[in-house]
Amino acid sequence: MSHKLLRRELETRLLAQMTANYPGDVEINWQNVDLEKATEMVLVAPCMLEGKRMPSTVGRTHLRSIGIFQVDVLTPKDTGTGLRDEIAEFIGDFFAAVSYNLSDGGYAIMDEPEFKYMGMRNGRDRLVISISYQIDLKI
């Protein structure tokens, strides 16, 4: 359950920050929504990559889950890298090294972001932000 709660928390915060800081420049593309819309806006596409779960204590009183919050920043071809890099840095800084108390008692810790340029994809320049996380939950 904690992965779902963390995803909701992160996606809600991402939407609020993009709407407040880049109105009219950015469109959020949620999972299972076609990324190849005919738009000249910058696309920001978040997803959760859930990892394994394991006991985090010897007595098995806590469960640790790991994963990656990944956000793709896609800009239209021939528009340069300035806005893409600015948005990527903003997102990375916003989520870097923060923690969240989740409603199911879980505690999530975000790591520092990693940035990776992935080249062109269907006429869009793609930069990926990956932020590892861990969730600890008392069982």
N, C-alpha and C. Protein backbone atom coordinates (compact mmCIF):
# COMPACT_ATOMS: atom_id res chain seq x y z
N MET A 1 0.82 -1.20 0.00
CA MET A 1 0.00 0.00 0.00
C MET A 1 0.86 1.26 0.00
N SER A 2 2.02 1.22 0.64
CA SER A 2 2.85 2.41 0.76
C SER A 2 3.32 2.94 -0.59
N HIS A 3 3.62 2.05 -1.55
CA HIS A 3 4.03 2.53 -2.88
C HIS A 3 2.91 3.37 -3.50
N LYS A 4 1.69 2.89 -3.37
CA LYS A 4 0.54 3.61 -3.93
C LYS A 4 0.37 4.98 -3.27
N LEU A 5 0.53 5.01 -1.96
CA LEU A 5 0.40 6.28 -1.23
C LEU A 5 1.52 7.24 -1.60
N LEU A 6 2.74 6.72 -1.71
CA LEU A 6 3.87 7.58 -2.09
C LEU A 6 3.68 8.10 -3.50
N ARG A 7 3.23 7.25 -4.40
CA ARG A 7 2.98 7.69 -5.78
C ARG A 7 1.98 8.83 -5.80
N ARG A 8 0.88 8.69 -5.06
CA ARG A 8 -0.14 9.73 -5.02
C ARG A 8 0.46 11.03 -4.47
N GLU A 9 1.25 10.92 -3.42
CA GLU A 9 1.90 12.09 -2.81
C GLU A 9 2.82 12.79 -3.81
N LEU A 10 3.68 12.02 -4.49
CA LEU A 10 4.64 12.61 -5.41
C LEU A 10 3.96 13.20 -6.64
N GLU A 11 2.99 12.49 -7.19
CA GLU A 11 2.29 12.99 -8.38
C GLU A 11 1.49 14.25 -8.06
N THR A 12 0.87 14.30 -6.89
CA THR A 12 0.12 15.49 -6.48
C THR A 12 1.05 16.69 -6.35
N ARG A 13 2.20 16.48 -5.73
CA ARG A 13 3.17 17.57 -5.57
C ARG A 13 3.77 18.00 -6.91
N LEU A 14 4.04 17.03 -7.79
CA LEU A 14 4.57 17.36 -9.11
C LEU A 14 3.57 18.21 -9.90
N LEU A 15 2.32 17.80 -9.92
CA LEU A 15 1.29 18.56 -10.63
C LEU A 15 1.18 19.98 -10.08
N ALA A 16 1.16 20.12 -8.77
CA ALA A 16 1.03 21.45 -8.15
C ALA A 16 2.22 22.33 -8.51
N GLN A 17 3.43 21.78 -8.47
CA GLN A 17 4.63 22.57 -8.76
C GLN A 17 4.72 22.95 -10.24
N MET A 18 4.38 22.03 -11.12
CA MET A 18 4.43 22.34 -12.56
C MET A 18 3.37 23.38 -12.92
N THR A 19 2.18 23.26 -12.34
CA THR A 19 1.10 24.21 -12.60
C THR A 19 1.46 25.60 -12.08
N ALA A 20 2.06 25.66 -10.90
CA ALA A 20 2.40 26.94 -10.28
C ALA A 20 3.60 27.61 -10.95
N ASN A 21 4.59 26.83 -11.36
CA ASN A 21 5.85 27.41 -11.83
C ASN A 21 6.02 27.43 -13.35
N TYR A 22 5.27 26.61 -14.05
CA TYR A 22 5.40 26.56 -15.52
C TYR A 22 4.02 26.52 -16.19
N PRO A 23 3.12 27.46 -15.83
CA PRO A 23 1.80 27.45 -16.44
C PRO A 23 1.88 27.71 -17.95
N GLY A 24 1.23 26.88 -18.71
CA GLY A 24 1.23 27.05 -20.16
C GLY A 24 2.44 26.48 -20.87
N ASP A 25 3.47 26.07 -20.13
CA ASP A 25 4.69 25.52 -20.74
C ASP A 25 4.76 24.01 -20.67
N VAL A 26 4.10 23.41 -19.67
CA VAL A 26 4.27 22.00 -19.37
C VAL A 26 2.93 21.29 -19.34
N GLU A 27 2.92 20.09 -19.91
CA GLU A 27 1.77 19.21 -19.82
C GLU A 27 2.23 17.94 -19.12
N ILE A 28 1.46 17.49 -18.12
CA ILE A 28 1.79 16.25 -17.42
C ILE A 28 1.19 15.10 -18.21
N ASN A 29 2.00 14.11 -18.50
CA ASN A 29 1.52 12.89 -19.15
C ASN A 29 1.59 11.75 -18.15
N TRP A 30 0.42 11.36 -17.65
CA TRP A 30 0.34 10.31 -16.65
C TRP A 30 0.54 8.95 -17.31
N GLN A 31 0.89 7.96 -16.52
CA GLN A 31 1.06 6.61 -17.04
C GLN A 31 -0.22 6.14 -17.72
N ASN A 32 -0.06 5.34 -18.75
CA ASN A 32 -1.16 4.76 -19.52
C ASN A 32 -1.93 5.82 -20.31
N VAL A 33 -1.27 6.94 -20.59
CA VAL A 33 -1.82 7.99 -21.44
C VAL A 33 -0.82 8.17 -22.58
N ASP A 34 -1.30 8.24 -23.81
CA ASP A 34 -0.44 8.33 -24.98
C ASP A 34 0.48 9.55 -24.88
N LEU A 35 1.78 9.30 -24.91
CA LEU A 35 2.77 10.39 -24.81
C LEU A 35 2.92 11.17 -26.11
N GLU A 36 2.46 10.62 -27.20
CA GLU A 36 2.74 11.23 -28.50
C GLU A 36 1.60 12.13 -28.97
N LYS A 37 1.05 12.89 -28.07
CA LYS A 37 0.01 13.86 -28.43
C LYS A 37 0.61 14.93 -29.33
N ALA A 38 -0.22 15.51 -30.15
CA ALA A 38 0.22 16.61 -30.99
C ALA A 38 0.22 17.88 -30.15
N THR A 39 1.34 18.17 -29.51
CA THR A 39 1.44 19.37 -28.68
C THR A 39 2.86 19.90 -28.79
N GLU A 40 3.00 21.19 -28.68
CA GLU A 40 4.32 21.82 -28.69
C GLU A 40 4.79 22.11 -27.27
N MET A 41 4.03 21.68 -26.30
CA MET A 41 4.41 21.91 -24.90
C MET A 41 5.46 20.89 -24.48
N VAL A 42 6.15 21.20 -23.40
CA VAL A 42 7.07 20.25 -22.79
C VAL A 42 6.22 19.20 -22.08
N LEU A 43 6.55 17.94 -22.28
CA LEU A 43 5.83 16.86 -21.61
C LEU A 43 6.64 16.39 -20.41
N VAL A 44 5.99 16.25 -19.27
CA VAL A 44 6.61 15.72 -18.07
C VAL A 44 5.84 14.44 -17.73
N ALA A 45 6.55 13.31 -17.74
CA ALA A 45 5.90 12.01 -17.60
C ALA A 45 6.44 11.26 -16.38
N PRO A 46 5.71 11.27 -15.27
CA PRO A 46 6.16 10.56 -14.07
C PRO A 46 5.73 9.09 -14.07
N CYS A 47 6.53 8.26 -13.43
CA CYS A 47 6.12 6.87 -13.19
C CYS A 47 6.89 6.33 -11.98
N MET A 48 6.31 5.34 -11.35
CA MET A 48 6.94 4.66 -10.21
C MET A 48 7.45 3.32 -10.68
N LEU A 49 8.69 3.03 -10.37
CA LEU A 49 9.29 1.73 -10.66
C LEU A 49 9.51 1.05 -9.31
N GLU A 50 8.56 0.21 -8.94
CA GLU A 50 8.62 -0.43 -7.63
C GLU A 50 9.68 -1.52 -7.62
N GLY A 51 10.43 -1.57 -6.53
CA GLY A 51 11.45 -2.59 -6.37
C GLY A 51 11.01 -3.65 -5.38
N LYS A 52 11.98 -4.31 -4.81
CA LYS A 52 11.65 -5.42 -3.91
C LYS A 52 11.31 -4.94 -2.51
N ARG A 53 10.71 -5.86 -1.76
CA ARG A 53 10.40 -5.63 -0.35
C ARG A 53 11.18 -6.64 0.47
N MET A 54 11.67 -6.20 1.62
CA MET A 54 12.46 -7.09 2.47
C MET A 54 12.34 -6.65 3.92
N PRO A 55 12.57 -7.56 4.85
CA PRO A 55 12.59 -7.15 6.25
C PRO A 55 13.75 -6.18 6.47
N SER A 56 13.52 -5.17 7.29
CA SER A 56 14.59 -4.19 7.54
C SER A 56 15.14 -4.29 8.95
N THR A 57 14.63 -5.22 9.73
CA THR A 57 15.13 -5.43 11.08
C THR A 57 15.33 -6.92 11.32
N VAL A 58 16.19 -7.26 12.27
CA VAL A 58 16.46 -8.66 12.59
C VAL A 58 15.20 -9.36 13.09
N GLY A 59 14.42 -8.70 13.89
CA GLY A 59 13.20 -9.29 14.43
C GLY A 59 12.03 -9.28 13.46
N ARG A 60 12.27 -8.78 12.27
CA ARG A 60 11.25 -8.70 11.22
C ARG A 60 10.01 -7.91 11.66
N THR A 61 10.27 -6.81 12.35
CA THR A 61 9.17 -5.96 12.78
C THR A 61 8.89 -4.83 11.81
N HIS A 62 9.82 -4.62 10.87
CA HIS A 62 9.66 -3.57 9.87
C HIS A 62 9.92 -4.15 8.48
N LEU A 63 9.23 -3.59 7.51
CA LEU A 63 9.39 -4.00 6.12
C LEU A 63 9.93 -2.81 5.34
N ARG A 64 10.96 -3.04 4.54
CA ARG A 64 11.52 -1.97 3.70
C ARG A 64 11.20 -2.27 2.24
N SER A 65 10.69 -1.26 1.56
CA SER A 65 10.42 -1.34 0.12
C SER A 65 11.30 -0.31 -0.57
N ILE A 66 11.83 -0.67 -1.72
CA ILE A 66 12.65 0.27 -2.47
C ILE A 66 12.06 0.45 -3.87
N GLY A 67 12.44 1.54 -4.50
CA GLY A 67 11.96 1.81 -5.85
C GLY A 67 12.58 3.07 -6.40
N ILE A 68 12.08 3.47 -7.56
CA ILE A 68 12.55 4.68 -8.24
C ILE A 68 11.35 5.48 -8.71
N PHE A 69 11.36 6.76 -8.38
CA PHE A 69 10.40 7.71 -8.96
C PHE A 69 11.10 8.29 -10.17
N GLN A 70 10.57 7.99 -11.34
CA GLN A 70 11.20 8.43 -12.58
C GLN A 70 10.32 9.47 -13.27
N VAL A 71 10.93 10.54 -13.72
CA VAL A 71 10.21 11.58 -14.44
C VAL A 71 10.95 11.85 -15.74
N ASP A 72 10.26 11.64 -16.86
CA ASP A 72 10.81 11.96 -18.18
C ASP A 72 10.42 13.39 -18.53
N VAL A 73 11.37 14.16 -19.03
CA VAL A 73 11.09 15.50 -19.54
C VAL A 73 11.34 15.45 -21.04
N LEU A 74 10.28 15.67 -21.82
CA LEU A 74 10.35 15.54 -23.27
C LEU A 74 10.03 16.88 -23.92
N THR A 75 10.95 17.37 -24.73
CA THR A 75 10.75 18.65 -25.40
C THR A 75 10.66 18.43 -26.91
N PRO A 76 9.87 19.24 -27.59
CA PRO A 76 9.76 19.10 -29.04
C PRO A 76 11.12 19.31 -29.73
N LYS A 77 11.30 18.62 -30.84
CA LYS A 77 12.51 18.72 -31.64
C LYS A 77 12.76 20.18 -32.06
N ASP A 78 14.02 20.54 -32.08
CA ASP A 78 14.46 21.86 -32.54
C ASP A 78 14.01 23.02 -31.66
N THR A 79 13.78 22.76 -30.37
CA THR A 79 13.41 23.84 -29.45
C THR A 79 14.51 24.15 -28.44
N GLY A 80 15.64 23.47 -28.57
CA GLY A 80 16.76 23.72 -27.67
C GLY A 80 16.62 22.94 -26.37
N THR A 81 17.61 23.12 -25.51
CA THR A 81 17.64 22.35 -24.26
C THR A 81 17.43 23.22 -23.01
N GLY A 82 17.34 24.52 -23.18
CA GLY A 82 17.25 25.43 -22.03
C GLY A 82 16.08 25.15 -21.12
N LEU A 83 14.86 25.14 -21.66
CA LEU A 83 13.68 24.92 -20.83
C LEU A 83 13.67 23.49 -20.28
N ARG A 84 14.07 22.52 -21.10
CA ARG A 84 14.14 21.13 -20.64
C ARG A 84 15.04 21.00 -19.42
N ASP A 85 16.24 21.57 -19.51
CA ASP A 85 17.20 21.47 -18.42
C ASP A 85 16.72 22.22 -17.18
N GLU A 86 16.09 23.36 -17.38
CA GLU A 86 15.56 24.14 -16.26
C GLU A 86 14.49 23.36 -15.51
N ILE A 87 13.57 22.75 -16.25
CA ILE A 87 12.48 21.98 -15.64
C ILE A 87 13.05 20.75 -14.94
N ALA A 88 13.99 20.06 -15.57
CA ALA A 88 14.59 18.86 -14.97
C ALA A 88 15.30 19.22 -13.67
N GLU A 89 16.05 20.30 -13.67
CA GLU A 89 16.75 20.72 -12.46
C GLU A 89 15.75 21.11 -11.36
N PHE A 90 14.69 21.80 -11.74
CA PHE A 90 13.66 22.19 -10.78
C PHE A 90 13.04 20.95 -10.13
N ILE A 91 12.66 19.97 -10.94
CA ILE A 91 12.05 18.74 -10.42
C ILE A 91 13.04 17.99 -9.52
N GLY A 92 14.27 17.86 -9.98
CA GLY A 92 15.29 17.18 -9.19
C GLY A 92 15.50 17.84 -7.85
N ASP A 93 15.62 19.16 -7.84
CA ASP A 93 15.81 19.89 -6.59
C ASP A 93 14.60 19.77 -5.66
N PHE A 94 13.41 19.79 -6.25
CA PHE A 94 12.19 19.76 -5.44
C PHE A 94 12.05 18.44 -4.68
N PHE A 95 12.42 17.33 -5.30
CA PHE A 95 12.24 16.02 -4.68
C PHE A 95 13.50 15.46 -4.01
N ALA A 96 14.61 16.15 -4.12
CA ALA A 96 15.88 15.62 -3.60
C ALA A 96 15.91 15.57 -2.08
N ALA A 97 16.29 14.40 -1.57
CA ALA A 97 16.58 14.23 -0.14
C ALA A 97 15.47 14.73 0.78
N VAL A 98 14.23 14.44 0.42
CA VAL A 98 13.10 14.79 1.29
C VAL A 98 12.48 13.50 1.83
N SER A 99 11.66 13.64 2.85
CA SER A 99 10.99 12.47 3.42
C SER A 99 9.51 12.78 3.60
N TYR A 100 8.71 11.70 3.63
CA TYR A 100 7.27 11.83 3.75
C TYR A 100 6.74 10.81 4.75
N ASN A 101 5.84 11.24 5.62
CA ASN A 101 5.08 10.32 6.46
C ASN A 101 3.83 9.95 5.69
N LEU A 102 3.61 8.65 5.50
CA LEU A 102 2.48 8.18 4.73
C LEU A 102 1.33 7.78 5.65
N SER A 103 0.11 7.82 5.15
CA SER A 103 -1.07 7.61 5.99
C SER A 103 -1.18 6.18 6.53
N ASP A 104 -0.46 5.21 5.95
CA ASP A 104 -0.51 3.84 6.47
C ASP A 104 0.58 3.57 7.50
N GLY A 105 1.27 4.64 7.93
CA GLY A 105 2.34 4.50 8.92
C GLY A 105 3.72 4.35 8.29
N GLY A 106 3.77 4.29 6.97
CA GLY A 106 5.05 4.19 6.28
C GLY A 106 5.81 5.51 6.33
N TYR A 107 7.11 5.39 6.18
CA TYR A 107 7.98 6.56 6.16
C TYR A 107 8.86 6.44 4.93
N ALA A 108 8.75 7.40 4.02
CA ALA A 108 9.48 7.35 2.75
C ALA A 108 10.62 8.36 2.75
N ILE A 109 11.76 7.93 2.24
CA ILE A 109 12.94 8.78 2.12
C ILE A 109 13.38 8.80 0.66
N MET A 110 13.48 10.00 0.11
CA MET A 110 13.91 10.17 -1.29
C MET A 110 15.42 10.41 -1.31
N ASP A 111 16.09 9.89 -2.32
CA ASP A 111 17.52 10.06 -2.49
C ASP A 111 17.79 11.28 -3.38
N GLU A 112 19.04 11.51 -3.70
CA GLU A 112 19.41 12.57 -4.63
C GLU A 112 19.06 12.13 -6.06
N PRO A 113 18.69 13.04 -6.94
CA PRO A 113 18.30 12.66 -8.30
C PRO A 113 19.51 12.32 -9.17
N GLU A 114 19.25 11.47 -10.16
CA GLU A 114 20.22 11.19 -11.22
C GLU A 114 19.58 11.62 -12.53
N PHE A 115 20.37 12.20 -13.41
CA PHE A 115 19.87 12.69 -14.69
C PHE A 115 20.55 11.90 -15.81
N LYS A 116 19.77 11.49 -16.80
CA LYS A 116 20.34 10.75 -17.92
C LYS A 116 19.67 11.20 -19.21
N TYR A 117 20.50 11.62 -20.16
CA TYR A 117 20.00 12.02 -21.46
C TYR A 117 19.77 10.78 -22.30
N MET A 118 18.56 10.65 -22.87
CA MET A 118 18.19 9.44 -23.60
C MET A 118 18.06 9.66 -25.11
N GLY A 119 18.39 10.86 -25.61
CA GLY A 119 18.32 11.11 -27.05
C GLY A 119 16.92 11.47 -27.52
N MET A 120 16.74 11.38 -28.83
CA MET A 120 15.46 11.72 -29.44
C MET A 120 14.54 10.49 -29.46
N ARG A 121 13.25 10.74 -29.23
CA ARG A 121 12.24 9.69 -29.29
C ARG A 121 10.99 10.27 -29.93
N ASN A 122 10.66 9.78 -31.11
CA ASN A 122 9.47 10.24 -31.84
C ASN A 122 9.39 11.76 -31.93
N GLY A 123 10.51 12.38 -32.29
CA GLY A 123 10.53 13.82 -32.47
C GLY A 123 10.62 14.63 -31.19
N ARG A 124 10.94 13.98 -30.09
CA ARG A 124 11.08 14.68 -28.81
C ARG A 124 12.41 14.34 -28.18
N ASP A 125 13.02 15.35 -27.58
CA ASP A 125 14.28 15.20 -26.86
C ASP A 125 13.93 14.71 -25.46
N ARG A 126 14.61 13.65 -24.98
CA ARG A 126 14.21 13.00 -23.72
C ARG A 126 15.33 13.04 -22.68
N LEU A 127 15.01 13.61 -21.53
CA LEU A 127 15.90 13.62 -20.38
C LEU A 127 15.16 12.93 -19.23
N VAL A 128 15.82 11.96 -18.58
CA VAL A 128 15.18 11.18 -17.53
C VAL A 128 15.78 11.55 -16.17
N ILE A 129 14.89 11.81 -15.22
CA ILE A 129 15.28 12.07 -13.83
C ILE A 129 14.88 10.83 -13.04
N SER A 130 15.83 10.22 -12.35
CA SER A 130 15.55 9.05 -11.53
C SER A 130 15.90 9.37 -10.08
N ILE A 131 14.90 9.19 -9.21
CA ILE A 131 15.10 9.45 -7.79
C ILE A 131 14.76 8.17 -7.01
N SER A 132 15.80 7.53 -6.49
CA SER A 132 15.58 6.32 -5.69
C SER A 132 14.90 6.68 -4.38
N TYR A 133 14.11 5.73 -3.88
CA TYR A 133 13.46 5.94 -2.59
C TYR A 133 13.42 4.64 -1.81
N GLN A 134 13.19 4.78 -0.52
CA GLN A 134 12.92 3.62 0.31
C GLN A 134 11.77 3.97 1.23
N ILE A 135 10.95 2.96 1.50
CA ILE A 135 9.81 3.12 2.41
C ILE A 135 9.99 2.11 3.53
N ASP A 136 9.92 2.57 4.76
CA ASP A 136 9.95 1.68 5.92
C ASP A 136 8.57 1.68 6.56
N LEU A 137 8.09 0.47 6.86
CA LEU A 137 6.77 0.31 7.41
C LEU A 137 6.80 -0.71 8.54
N LYS A 138 6.25 -0.35 9.68
CA LYS A 138 6.16 -1.30 10.80
C LYS A 138 5.07 -2.31 10.49
N ILE A 139 5.40 -3.59 10.68
CA ILE A 139 4.42 -4.64 10.37
C ILE A 139 3.98 -5.37 11.63
